[in-house]
Amino acid sequence: MVEAVGGDREITAGVAMIESFGHTPGHMSVELRSEGRRAALGGDVTHHPLQAAHPEWNMVADYDKDLAARSRQLLYEGLAADGGLLGAGHFPRPGFGSVVVNEGVRMFVPVQVSVLG
């Protein structure tokens, strides 16, 4: 069964769909919450780490460029404010990291990954 979701909505404990409109009509991201922490799986809301500092930088395929920029702005502001993690499929590996503000500039900082021999 498929149920259309028209806005932010918790679908089960700790898992919610969040609006991230603009890239495509009705685009949604997934938010995970556990033990007071949050992670967002952004889908196509963002395509490059530099968009943390410049959410107004759109990608050619953004359907509604103003709305896409606003969705990125809200996502990045929220993650920077609460220390949440971002999973961004279009970013270079590992694609997961934090959004921090350093000297007034918001940036994406990838998680440290160790490779086991």
Protein backbone atom coordinates (compact mmCIF):
# COMPACT_ATOMS: atom_id res chain seq x y z
CA MET A 1 0.00 0.00 0.00
CA VAL A 2 1.11 3.52 -0.71
CA GLU A 3 -0.07 6.51 1.26
CA ALA A 4 0.61 9.98 -0.12
CA VAL A 5 2.08 12.36 2.45
CA GLY A 6 1.30 16.04 2.05
CA GLY A 7 3.76 17.51 4.53
CA ASP A 8 5.92 16.76 7.54
CA ARG A 9 4.65 13.54 9.06
CA GLU A 10 5.92 10.89 11.44
CA ILE A 11 5.44 7.49 9.82
CA THR A 12 6.61 5.41 12.78
CA ALA A 13 8.37 6.11 16.06
CA GLY A 14 11.57 8.01 15.27
CA VAL A 15 11.06 8.12 11.48
CA ALA A 16 9.41 11.07 9.76
CA MET A 17 9.00 12.44 6.27
CA ILE A 18 9.92 16.12 6.03
CA GLU A 19 9.13 18.57 3.27
CA SER A 20 12.10 19.45 1.09
CA PHE A 21 10.24 20.72 -1.94
CA GLY A 22 11.86 22.34 -4.93
CA HIS A 23 14.13 19.83 -6.60
CA THR A 24 11.11 17.93 -7.81
CA PRO A 25 7.43 18.55 -7.07
CA GLY A 26 6.60 17.02 -3.69
CA HIS A 27 10.21 16.06 -2.85
CA MET A 28 10.52 14.71 0.70
CA SER A 29 13.46 13.85 2.92
CA VAL A 30 13.60 11.36 5.79
CA GLU A 31 14.30 12.39 9.36
CA LEU A 32 15.50 9.86 11.94
CA ARG A 33 15.39 10.58 15.69
CA SER A 34 16.80 8.44 18.48
CA GLU A 35 18.07 9.11 21.98
CA GLY A 36 17.72 12.87 21.54
CA ARG A 37 19.73 12.99 18.30
CA ARG A 38 18.62 13.63 14.75
CA ALA A 39 19.76 12.69 11.27
CA ALA A 40 18.30 13.78 7.96
CA LEU A 41 18.56 11.73 4.78
CA GLY A 42 18.32 14.54 2.27
CA GLY A 43 17.61 12.75 -0.97
CA ASP A 44 17.91 15.33 -3.74
CA VAL A 45 17.48 18.43 -1.57
CA THR A 46 21.23 19.12 -1.83
CA HIS A 47 23.85 18.13 -4.36
CA HIS A 48 27.13 19.67 -3.21
CA PRO A 49 28.73 20.39 0.19
CA LEU A 50 29.18 24.06 -0.77
CA GLN A 51 25.40 24.45 -0.66
CA ALA A 52 25.67 24.45 3.15
CA ALA A 53 27.20 27.92 2.88
CA HIS A 54 25.27 28.84 -0.26
CA PRO A 55 21.84 27.19 -0.27
CA GLU A 56 20.84 29.62 -3.01
CA TRP A 57 23.21 27.87 -5.42
CA ASN A 58 20.85 25.69 -7.39
CA MET A 59 21.47 22.76 -9.60
CA VAL A 60 20.22 22.77 -13.13
CA ALA A 61 17.56 20.10 -12.46
CA ASP A 62 15.90 21.97 -9.55
CA TYR A 63 12.29 22.30 -10.68
CA ASP A 64 11.49 25.34 -8.50
CA LYS A 65 14.80 27.04 -7.77
CA ASP A 66 13.48 29.45 -5.12
CA LEU A 67 11.69 26.69 -3.23
CA ALA A 68 14.69 24.35 -3.51
CA ALA A 69 16.96 27.05 -2.06
CA ARG A 70 14.50 27.67 0.80
CA SER A 71 14.30 23.93 1.55
CA ARG A 72 18.12 23.72 1.70
CA GLN A 73 18.29 26.83 3.89
CA LEU A 74 15.83 25.37 6.41
CA LEU A 75 17.53 21.98 6.43
CA TYR A 76 21.01 23.38 6.95
CA GLU A 77 19.89 25.91 9.58
CA GLY A 78 18.13 23.23 11.57
CA LEU A 79 21.02 20.76 11.44
CA ALA A 80 23.54 23.44 12.43
CA ALA A 81 21.33 24.52 15.35
CA ASP A 82 20.78 21.07 16.84
CA GLY A 83 23.93 19.20 15.84
CA GLY A 84 22.10 16.73 13.64
CA LEU A 85 23.74 14.64 10.94
CA LEU A 86 23.10 14.89 7.22
CA GLY A 87 23.16 11.96 4.84
CA ALA A 88 23.61 13.33 1.34
CA GLY A 89 23.72 10.79 -1.45
CA HIS A 90 25.24 13.16 -4.00
CA PHE A 91 28.15 14.25 -1.79
CA PRO A 92 31.58 12.63 -2.05
CA ARG A 93 32.12 9.61 0.19
CA PRO A 94 31.23 9.10 2.95
CA GLY A 95 28.25 11.42 2.30
CA PHE A 96 27.42 11.68 6.01
CA GLY A 97 28.46 14.52 8.25
CA SER A 98 27.63 17.45 10.47
CA VAL A 99 26.63 20.98 9.59
CA VAL A 100 28.61 23.49 11.63
CA VAL A 101 29.11 27.24 11.68
CA ASN A 102 32.74 28.35 11.74
CA GLU A 103 33.52 32.08 11.86
CA GLY A 104 30.03 32.86 10.60
CA VAL A 105 30.19 30.43 7.67
CA ARG A 106 27.99 27.35 7.62
CA MET A 107 29.73 24.24 6.29
CA PHE A 108 29.34 20.51 5.90
CA VAL A 109 31.97 18.46 7.77
CA PRO A 110 32.10 14.79 6.74
CA VAL A 111 32.29 12.13 9.43
CA GLN A 112 35.68 10.54 9.87
CA VAL A 113 35.87 7.12 8.28
CA SER A 114 38.48 4.54 9.10
CA VAL A 115 39.31 1.71 6.76
CA LEU A 116 40.03 -1.59 8.40
CA GLY A 117 43.02 -3.41 6.90
